[in-house]
Amino acid sequence: MTEVLAGGASNYGKVLRVGETVRRPLRPHSPAVHRLLRHLEDVGFVGAPRFLGVVDGHEVLTFVDGEVLLPPLPSWAFDSSLLASVARLVRAFHDACASFPVLADDGWDQRTPARWSGSVLCHGDLVRSNVVLRDRRPVALIDFDLVAPASRVWEIACALRHWVPLRGEGPEGAAAAPFVTGERLRAFCDAYGLPAAERPDVLDAVLDAEDLQLRLLRQWVAAGHEEYRRIWEAGAPDRIAARVHWVTEHRALLLAAMT
């Protein structure tokens, strides 16, 4: 059985399920990713696929059974308990990576702004479609193409962009959105174990991540990438602008709730 897997953008239509394995195109830094996946297996981290080898220019990984959240989202996708469980999985991943030896020639696909550089090996792409769920709880992270050293604040901010509505568009309604969003942000930070002293930086990192995403989208569209052109034409710039405006407008309230 061969199936094209849904989701993704840079590898859109190129990730295949073959039986109980997944085949993904190789990238320049794939050897470093494969070394990381072997490390995660060695230290007993179960929240990632296993690397099985390379076949015909594709890396072969174990298929992680479950579901990923794709639009339209169910109401339970906004539960604070789900956010907390995602945060705990991310923290477990970071802890498992702590003993991984990063080498000077690993060649990670590094996109993190200098302000948010760091020594934590971060997943780098914690969108909903890269977290596999079972029974409404996360069991594994997938798609390690953007793994790179950064600060944990940057990783958390990038995750929150996708997992917490940041335009006041949650199911609770516009009036309650700032208060509920603040509670969700705190639930994630509490579950991860982010110290209170680092939490004021999270919203700054969110805004920087929005700016980076807009600049990268422009580059990819200009380079002729069809899937990113579709994302752009579907309103991505407007959604980014709306998140920046909403977070900036409610910044004080959100910070108070987080800390």
C-alpha atoms as a PDB file:
ATOM      1  CA  MET A   1       0.000   0.000   0.000  1.00  0.00           C
ATOM      2  CA  THR A   2       1.365   3.403  -0.995  1.00  0.00           C
ATOM      3  CA  GLU A   3      -0.384   6.600   0.140  1.00  0.00           C
ATOM      4  CA  VAL A   4       0.513  10.270  -0.214  1.00  0.00           C
ATOM      5  CA  LEU A   5       0.274  11.774   3.266  1.00  0.00           C
ATOM      6  CA  ALA A   6      -1.644  15.006   3.793  1.00  0.00           C
ATOM      7  CA  GLY A   7      -0.211  18.128   5.367  1.00  0.00           C
ATOM      8  CA  GLY A   8       3.085  19.910   5.007  1.00  0.00           C
ATOM      9  CA  ALA A   9       4.164  22.587   2.574  1.00  0.00           C
ATOM     10  CA  SER A  10       7.829  22.352   1.608  1.00  0.00           C
ATOM     11  CA  ASN A  11       7.429  18.609   0.946  1.00  0.00           C
ATOM     12  CA  TYR A  12       3.802  18.827  -0.158  1.00  0.00           C
ATOM     13  CA  GLY A  13       2.776  15.684  -2.053  1.00  0.00           C
ATOM     14  CA  LYS A  14       6.211  14.094  -1.634  1.00  0.00           C
ATOM     15  CA  VAL A  15       5.827  12.267   1.686  1.00  0.00           C
ATOM     16  CA  LEU A  16       4.611   8.711   1.190  1.00  0.00           C
ATOM     17  CA  ARG A  17       3.320   5.996   3.453  1.00  0.00           C
ATOM     18  CA  VAL A  18       4.481   2.585   2.242  1.00  0.00           C
ATOM     19  CA  GLY A  19       3.009  -0.131   4.435  1.00  0.00           C
ATOM     20  CA  GLU A  20       4.043   0.667   8.001  1.00  0.00           C
ATOM     21  CA  THR A  21       6.830   3.009   6.918  1.00  0.00           C
ATOM     22  CA  VAL A  22       7.094   6.624   5.760  1.00  0.00           C
ATOM     23  CA  ARG A  23       9.386   7.799   2.970  1.00  0.00           C
ATOM     24  CA  ARG A  24      10.503  11.429   2.873  1.00  0.00           C
ATOM     25  CA  PRO A  25      12.864  13.249   0.465  1.00  0.00           C
ATOM     26  CA  LEU A  26      16.423  13.642   1.725  1.00  0.00           C
ATOM     27  CA  ARG A  27      17.760  17.105   2.573  1.00  0.00           C
ATOM     28  CA  PRO A  28      21.351  18.326   2.965  1.00  0.00           C
ATOM     29  CA  HIS A  29      21.214  17.981   6.759  1.00  0.00           C
ATOM     30  CA  SER A  30      19.366  14.638   6.784  1.00  0.00           C
ATOM     31  CA  PRO A  31      22.402  12.758   8.203  1.00  0.00           C
ATOM     32  CA  ALA A  32      22.254  14.963  11.309  1.00  0.00           C
ATOM     33  CA  VAL A  33      18.515  14.339  11.653  1.00  0.00           C
ATOM     34  CA  HIS A  34      19.075  10.597  11.324  1.00  0.00           C
ATOM     35  CA  ARG A  35      21.732  10.730  14.013  1.00  0.00           C
ATOM     36  CA  LEU A  36      19.276  12.579  16.253  1.00  0.00           C
ATOM     37  CA  LEU A  37      16.507  10.038  15.660  1.00  0.00           C
ATOM     38  CA  ARG A  38      18.892   7.216  16.570  1.00  0.00           C
ATOM     39  CA  HIS A  39      19.831   9.128  19.735  1.00  0.00           C
ATOM     40  CA  LEU A  40      16.173   9.563  20.702  1.00  0.00           C
ATOM     41  CA  GLU A  41      15.659   5.832  20.302  1.00  0.00           C
ATOM     42  CA  ASP A  42      18.776   5.074  22.360  1.00  0.00           C
ATOM     43  CA  VAL A  43      17.652   7.260  25.286  1.00  0.00           C
ATOM     44  CA  GLY A  44      14.149   5.773  25.276  1.00  0.00           C
ATOM     45  CA  PHE A  45      12.190   8.746  23.927  1.00  0.00           C
ATOM     46  CA  VAL A  46       9.106   7.160  22.355  1.00  0.00           C
ATOM     47  CA  GLY A  47       7.596  10.344  20.929  1.00  0.00           C
ATOM     48  CA  ALA A  48       9.343  10.229  17.550  1.00  0.00           C
ATOM     49  CA  PRO A  49       9.477   7.893  14.546  1.00  0.00           C
ATOM     50  CA  ARG A  50      12.425   5.533  14.217  1.00  0.00           C
ATOM     51  CA  PHE A  51      14.946   5.908  11.417  1.00  0.00           C
ATOM     52  CA  LEU A  52      15.178   2.718   9.345  1.00  0.00           C
ATOM     53  CA  GLY A  53      17.532   3.675   6.515  1.00  0.00           C
ATOM     54  CA  VAL A  54      17.700   5.319   3.079  1.00  0.00           C
ATOM     55  CA  VAL A  55      16.097   3.983  -0.106  1.00  0.00           C
ATOM     56  CA  ASP A  56      16.153   5.654  -3.532  1.00  0.00           C
ATOM     57  CA  GLY A  57      16.955   9.098  -2.214  1.00  0.00           C
ATOM     58  CA  HIS A  58      14.360   8.920   0.561  1.00  0.00           C
ATOM     59  CA  GLU A  59      14.732   8.453   4.283  1.00  0.00           C
ATOM     60  CA  VAL A  60      12.639   5.578   5.623  1.00  0.00           C
ATOM     61  CA  LEU A  61      10.954   6.023   8.996  1.00  0.00           C
ATOM     62  CA  THR A  62       8.460   4.048  11.026  1.00  0.00           C
ATOM     63  CA  PHE A  63       4.854   5.147  10.554  1.00  0.00           C
ATOM     64  CA  VAL A  64       3.330   6.569  13.748  1.00  0.00           C
ATOM     65  CA  ASP A  65      -0.312   5.548  13.927  1.00  0.00           C
ATOM     66  CA  GLY A  66      -2.801   8.209  15.011  1.00  0.00           C
ATOM     67  CA  GLU A  67      -4.299  11.449  13.723  1.00  0.00           C
ATOM     68  CA  VAL A  68      -3.156  15.022  13.201  1.00  0.00           C
ATOM     69  CA  LEU A  69      -5.330  18.096  13.476  1.00  0.00           C
ATOM     70  CA  LEU A  70      -6.211  19.688  10.144  1.00  0.00           C
ATOM     71  CA  PRO A  71      -8.872  22.336   9.386  1.00  0.00           C
ATOM     72  CA  PRO A  72     -11.717  22.496  10.161  1.00  0.00           C
ATOM     73  CA  LEU A  73     -10.699  22.018  13.792  1.00  0.00           C
ATOM     74  CA  PRO A  74     -12.960  20.282  16.315  1.00  0.00           C
ATOM     75  CA  SER A  75     -13.908  22.218  19.455  1.00  0.00           C
ATOM     76  CA  TRP A  76     -11.694  20.020  21.657  1.00  0.00           C
ATOM     77  CA  ALA A  77      -8.619  21.254  19.735  1.00  0.00           C
ATOM     78  CA  PHE A  78      -8.768  24.373  21.937  1.00  0.00           C
ATOM     79  CA  ASP A  79      -8.831  22.555  25.307  1.00  0.00           C
ATOM     80  CA  SER A  80      -6.171  23.709  27.764  1.00  0.00           C
ATOM     81  CA  SER A  81      -5.602  20.077  28.719  1.00  0.00           C
ATOM     82  CA  LEU A  82      -4.538  19.316  25.136  1.00  0.00           C
ATOM     83  CA  LEU A  83      -2.204  22.323  25.136  1.00  0.00           C
ATOM     84  CA  ALA A  84      -0.654  21.148  28.390  1.00  0.00           C
ATOM     85  CA  SER A  85      -0.079  17.654  27.066  1.00  0.00           C
ATOM     86  CA  VAL A  86       1.590  19.053  23.931  1.00  0.00           C
ATOM     87  CA  ALA A  87       3.830  21.190  26.141  1.00  0.00           C
ATOM     88  CA  ARG A  88       4.845  18.161  28.207  1.00  0.00           C
ATOM     89  CA  LEU A  89       5.747  16.242  25.053  1.00  0.00           C
ATOM     90  CA  VAL A  90       7.853  19.166  23.818  1.00  0.00           C
ATOM     91  CA  ARG A  91       9.640  19.351  27.190  1.00  0.00           C
ATOM     92  CA  ALA A  92      10.290  15.595  27.103  1.00  0.00           C
ATOM     93  CA  PHE A  93      11.758  16.010  23.617  1.00  0.00           C
ATOM     94  CA  HIS A  94      14.039  18.824  24.759  1.00  0.00           C
ATOM     95  CA  ASP A  95      15.164  16.793  27.765  1.00  0.00           C
ATOM     96  CA  ALA A  96      15.913  13.794  25.537  1.00  0.00           C
ATOM     97  CA  CYS A  97      17.957  16.016  23.205  1.00  0.00           C
ATOM     98  CA  ALA A  98      20.026  17.464  26.044  1.00  0.00           C
ATOM     99  CA  SER A  99      22.551  14.625  25.839  1.00  0.00           C
ATOM    100  CA  PHE A 100      22.761  14.701  22.026  1.00  0.00           C
ATOM    101  CA  PRO A 101      26.203  15.803  20.780  1.00  0.00           C
ATOM    102  CA  VAL A 102      25.703  18.671  18.314  1.00  0.00           C
ATOM    103  CA  LEU A 103      28.564  18.777  15.807  1.00  0.00           C
ATOM    104  CA  ALA A 104      29.981  21.799  14.024  1.00  0.00           C
ATOM    105  CA  ASP A 105      29.263  20.317  10.587  1.00  0.00           C
ATOM    106  CA  ASP A 106      25.678  19.132  11.249  1.00  0.00           C
ATOM    107  CA  GLY A 107      24.389  21.778   8.840  1.00  0.00           C
ATOM    108  CA  TRP A 108      20.940  22.285  10.396  1.00  0.00           C
ATOM    109  CA  ASP A 109      18.395  24.330   8.446  1.00  0.00           C
ATOM    110  CA  GLN A 110      18.822  27.303  10.781  1.00  0.00           C
ATOM    111  CA  ARG A 111      16.124  29.991  10.504  1.00  0.00           C
ATOM    112  CA  THR A 112      16.037  31.281  14.074  1.00  0.00           C
ATOM    113  CA  PRO A 113      16.640  35.043  14.458  1.00  0.00           C
ATOM    114  CA  ALA A 114      19.893  35.829  16.282  1.00  0.00           C
ATOM    115  CA  ARG A 115      17.966  37.255  19.228  1.00  0.00           C
ATOM    116  CA  TRP A 116      16.510  33.807  19.958  1.00  0.00           C
ATOM    117  CA  SER A 117      19.596  31.705  19.382  1.00  0.00           C
ATOM    118  CA  GLY A 118      20.444  29.134  22.013  1.00  0.00           C
ATOM    119  CA  SER A 119      21.744  25.674  22.766  1.00  0.00           C
ATOM    120  CA  VAL A 120      18.441  23.790  23.076  1.00  0.00           C
ATOM    121  CA  LEU A 121      17.933  21.460  20.137  1.00  0.00           C
ATOM    122  CA  CYS A 122      14.440  22.503  19.021  1.00  0.00           C
ATOM    123  CA  HIS A 123      11.970  20.795  16.689  1.00  0.00           C
ATOM    124  CA  GLY A 124      11.417  24.059  14.846  1.00  0.00           C
ATOM    125  CA  ASP A 125       8.071  23.251  13.211  1.00  0.00           C
ATOM    126  CA  LEU A 126       5.482  22.419  15.867  1.00  0.00           C
ATOM    127  CA  VAL A 127       2.423  22.978  13.692  1.00  0.00           C
ATOM    128  CA  ARG A 128      -0.651  20.905  14.443  1.00  0.00           C
ATOM    129  CA  SER A 129       0.022  18.585  11.512  1.00  0.00           C
ATOM    130  CA  ASN A 130       3.403  17.614  13.001  1.00  0.00           C
ATOM    131  CA  VAL A 131       2.012  16.293  16.288  1.00  0.00           C
ATOM    132  CA  VAL A 132       0.379  12.857  16.177  1.00  0.00           C
ATOM    133  CA  LEU A 133      -2.570  12.327  18.525  1.00  0.00           C
ATOM    134  CA  ARG A 134      -4.327   9.295  19.906  1.00  0.00           C
ATOM    135  CA  ASP A 135      -7.479   9.615  22.003  1.00  0.00           C
ATOM    136  CA  ARG A 136      -7.060  13.405  21.812  1.00  0.00           C
ATOM    137  CA  ARG A 137      -3.591  13.342  23.371  1.00  0.00           C
ATOM    138  CA  PRO A 138      -0.201  13.789  21.661  1.00  0.00           C
ATOM    139  CA  VAL A 139       1.969  10.701  21.346  1.00  0.00           C
ATOM    140  CA  ALA A 140       4.700  11.757  18.908  1.00  0.00           C
ATOM    141  CA  LEU A 141       6.353  14.579  16.996  1.00  0.00           C
ATOM    142  CA  ILE A 142       7.009  14.077  13.285  1.00  0.00           C
ATOM    143  CA  ASP A 143       8.817  15.974  10.489  1.00  0.00           C
ATOM    144  CA  PHE A 144      12.211  16.888  11.904  1.00  0.00           C
ATOM    145  CA  ASP A 145      13.364  18.828   8.825  1.00  0.00           C
ATOM    146  CA  LEU A 146      13.691  22.115  10.745  1.00  0.00           C
ATOM    147  CA  VAL A 147      15.422  20.818  13.868  1.00  0.00           C
ATOM    148  CA  ALA A 148      18.139  23.273  14.945  1.00  0.00           C
ATOM    149  CA  PRO A 149      19.647  24.752  18.105  1.00  0.00           C
ATOM    150  CA  ALA A 150      17.694  27.734  19.467  1.00  0.00           C
ATOM    151  CA  SER A 151      16.280  29.033  22.731  1.00  0.00           C
ATOM    152  CA  ARG A 152      13.390  27.224  24.375  1.00  0.00           C
ATOM    153  CA  VAL A 153      11.462  30.522  24.414  1.00  0.00           C
ATOM    154  CA  TRP A 154      11.623  30.550  20.611  1.00  0.00           C
ATOM    155  CA  GLU A 155      10.362  26.963  20.385  1.00  0.00           C
ATOM    156  CA  ILE A 156       7.509  27.672  22.784  1.00  0.00           C
ATOM    157  CA  ALA A 157       6.527  30.867  20.953  1.00  0.00           C
ATOM    158  CA  CYS A 158       6.474  29.079  17.584  1.00  0.00           C
ATOM    159  CA  ALA A 159       4.320  26.313  19.051  1.00  0.00           C
ATOM    160  CA  LEU A 160       1.878  28.782  20.607  1.00  0.00           C
ATOM    161  CA  ARG A 161       1.367  30.498  17.234  1.00  0.00           C
ATOM    162  CA  HIS A 162      -0.219  27.316  15.966  1.00  0.00           C
ATOM    163  CA  TRP A 163      -1.785  25.716  19.040  1.00  0.00           C
ATOM    164  CA  VAL A 164      -3.396  28.766  20.687  1.00  0.00           C
ATOM    165  CA  PRO A 165      -5.731  31.033  18.728  1.00  0.00           C
ATOM    166  CA  LEU A 166      -3.968  34.397  18.734  1.00  0.00           C
ATOM    167  CA  ARG A 167      -6.472  36.471  16.793  1.00  0.00           C
ATOM    168  CA  GLY A 168      -9.355  36.324  19.258  1.00  0.00           C
ATOM    169  CA  GLU A 169     -11.010  33.705  17.041  1.00  0.00           C
ATOM    170  CA  GLY A 170     -11.479  30.923  19.604  1.00  0.00           C
ATOM    171  CA  PRO A 171     -14.898  29.405  20.336  1.00  0.00           C
ATOM    172  CA  GLU A 172     -15.344  31.510  23.499  1.00  0.00           C
ATOM    173  CA  GLY A 173     -16.185  34.729  21.604  1.00  0.00           C
ATOM    174  CA  ALA A 174     -14.290  37.971  21.089  1.00  0.00           C
ATOM    175  CA  ALA A 175     -15.034  39.561  24.493  1.00  0.00           C
ATOM    176  CA  ALA A 176     -13.704  36.610  26.483  1.00  0.00           C
ATOM    177  CA  ALA A 177     -10.874  35.763  24.082  1.00  0.00           C
ATOM    178  CA  PRO A 178      -8.059  37.746  25.774  1.00  0.00           C
ATOM    179  CA  PHE A 179      -8.792  36.173  29.164  1.00  0.00           C
ATOM    180  CA  VAL A 180      -9.179  32.628  27.825  1.00  0.00           C
ATOM    181  CA  THR A 181      -6.132  33.001  25.595  1.00  0.00           C
ATOM    182  CA  GLY A 182      -4.081  34.159  28.577  1.00  0.00           C
ATOM    183  CA  GLU A 183      -5.154  31.052  30.481  1.00  0.00           C
ATOM    184  CA  ARG A 184      -4.152  28.861  27.528  1.00  0.00           C
ATOM    185  CA  LEU A 185      -0.758  30.517  27.286  1.00  0.00           C
ATOM    186  CA  ARG A 186      -0.190  29.945  30.988  1.00  0.00           C
ATOM    187  CA  ALA A 187      -1.345  26.317  30.758  1.00  0.00           C
ATOM    188  CA  PHE A 188       1.271  25.654  28.086  1.00  0.00           C
ATOM    189  CA  CYS A 189       4.077  27.448  29.948  1.00  0.00           C
ATOM    190  CA  ASP A 190       3.175  25.782  33.254  1.00  0.00           C
ATOM    191  CA  ALA A 191       3.096  22.309  31.712  1.00  0.00           C
ATOM    192  CA  TYR A 192       6.427  22.892  29.947  1.00  0.00           C
ATOM    193  CA  GLY A 193       7.963  24.236  33.139  1.00  0.00           C
ATOM    194  CA  LEU A 194       9.047  27.590  31.727  1.00  0.00           C
ATOM    195  CA  PRO A 195      10.267  29.819  34.598  1.00  0.00           C
ATOM    196  CA  ALA A 196       8.236  32.946  35.259  1.00  0.00           C
ATOM    197  CA  ALA A 197      11.269  35.133  34.541  1.00  0.00           C
ATOM    198  CA  GLU A 198      11.370  33.927  30.916  1.00  0.00           C
ATOM    199  CA  ARG A 199       7.667  34.271  30.158  1.00  0.00           C
ATOM    200  CA  PRO A 200       7.627  37.991  29.305  1.00  0.00           C
ATOM    201  CA  ASP A 201       9.917  37.143  26.367  1.00  0.00           C
ATOM    202  CA  VAL A 202       7.433  34.702  24.839  1.00  0.00           C
ATOM    203  CA  LEU A 203       5.152  37.296  23.244  1.00  0.00           C
ATOM    204  CA  ASP A 204       8.154  39.150  21.801  1.00  0.00           C
ATOM    205  CA  ALA A 205       9.240  35.863  20.237  1.00  0.00           C
ATOM    206  CA  VAL A 206       5.715  35.289  18.896  1.00  0.00           C
ATOM    207  CA  LEU A 207       5.800  38.644  17.107  1.00  0.00           C
ATOM    208  CA  ASP A 208       9.277  37.953  15.730  1.00  0.00           C
ATOM    209  CA  ALA A 209       8.078  34.546  14.506  1.00  0.00           C
ATOM    210  CA  GLU A 210       5.162  36.175  12.686  1.00  0.00           C
ATOM    211  CA  ASP A 211       7.548  38.608  10.986  1.00  0.00           C
ATOM    212  CA  LEU A 212       9.889  35.769  10.002  1.00  0.00           C
ATOM    213  CA  GLN A 213       7.035  33.710   8.599  1.00  0.00           C
ATOM    214  CA  LEU A 214       5.825  36.588   6.431  1.00  0.00           C
ATOM    215  CA  ARG A 215       9.328  37.217   5.053  1.00  0.00           C
ATOM    216  CA  LEU A 216       9.882  33.521   4.307  1.00  0.00           C
ATOM    217  CA  LEU A 217       6.510  33.232   2.590  1.00  0.00           C
ATOM    218  CA  ARG A 218       7.401  36.153   0.326  1.00  0.00           C
ATOM    219  CA  GLN A 219      10.694  34.485  -0.588  1.00  0.00           C
ATOM    220  CA  TRP A 220       9.099  31.112  -1.320  1.00  0.00           C
ATOM    221  CA  VAL A 221       6.318  32.628  -3.426  1.00  0.00           C
ATOM    222  CA  ALA A 222       8.861  34.684  -5.385  1.00  0.00           C
ATOM    223  CA  ALA A 223      10.862  31.495  -5.961  1.00  0.00           C
ATOM    224  CA  GLY A 224       7.811  29.876  -7.571  1.00  0.00           C
ATOM    225  CA  HIS A 225       6.862  27.363  -4.860  1.00  0.00           C
ATOM    226  CA  GLU A 226       3.277  26.386  -5.751  1.00  0.00           C
ATOM    227  CA  GLU A 227       2.103  25.240  -2.315  1.00  0.00           C
ATOM    228  CA  TYR A 228       3.339  28.389  -0.606  1.00  0.00           C
ATOM    229  CA  ARG A 229       1.711  30.464  -3.359  1.00  0.00           C
ATOM    230  CA  ARG A 230      -1.576  28.713  -2.557  1.00  0.00           C
ATOM    231  CA  ILE A 231      -1.097  29.454   1.161  1.00  0.00           C
ATOM    232  CA  TRP A 232      -0.342  33.109   0.341  1.00  0.00           C
ATOM    233  CA  GLU A 233      -3.392  33.479  -1.894  1.00  0.00           C
ATOM    234  CA  ALA A 234      -5.571  31.798   0.741  1.00  0.00           C
ATOM    235  CA  GLY A 235      -4.954  34.786   3.016  1.00  0.00           C
ATOM    236  CA  ALA A 236      -1.795  34.004   5.010  1.00  0.00           C
ATOM    237  CA  PRO A 237      -0.563  37.637   5.045  1.00  0.00           C
ATOM    238  CA  ASP A 238      -3.894  38.847   6.422  1.00  0.00           C
ATOM    239  CA  ARG A 239      -3.908  36.146   9.100  1.00  0.00           C
ATOM    240  CA  ILE A 240      -0.371  37.054  10.149  1.00  0.00           C
ATOM    241  CA  ALA A 241      -1.253  40.759  10.310  1.00  0.00           C
ATOM    242  CA  ALA A 242      -4.341  39.972  12.370  1.00  0.00           C
ATOM    243  CA  ARG A 243      -2.313  37.936  14.902  1.00  0.00           C
ATOM    244  CA  VAL A 244       0.284  40.683  15.227  1.00  0.00           C
ATOM    245  CA  HIS A 245      -2.428  43.303  15.778  1.00  0.00           C
ATOM    246  CA  TRP A 246      -4.378  41.208  18.277  1.00  0.00           C
ATOM    247  CA  VAL A 247      -1.364  40.154  20.358  1.00  0.00           C
ATOM    248  CA  THR A 248      -0.058  43.726  20.415  1.00  0.00           C
ATOM    249  CA  GLU A 249      -3.465  45.106  21.433  1.00  0.00           C
ATOM    250  CA  HIS A 250      -3.916  42.617  24.295  1.00  0.00           C
ATOM    251  CA  ARG A 251      -0.276  42.262  25.272  1.00  0.00           C
ATOM    252  CA  ALA A 252      -0.586  43.572  28.851  1.00  0.00           C
ATOM    253  CA  LEU A 253      -3.489  41.287  29.705  1.00  0.00           C
ATOM    254  CA  LEU A 254      -1.824  38.249  28.133  1.00  0.00           C
ATOM    255  CA  LEU A 255       1.431  38.879  30.003  1.00  0.00           C
ATOM    256  CA  ALA A 256      -0.406  39.263  33.293  1.00  0.00           C
ATOM    257  CA  ALA A 257      -2.160  35.948  32.774  1.00  0.00           C
ATOM    258  CA  MET A 258       1.054  34.151  31.776  1.00  0.00           C
ATOM    259  CA  THR A 259       3.097  35.319  34.741  1.00  0.00           C
END
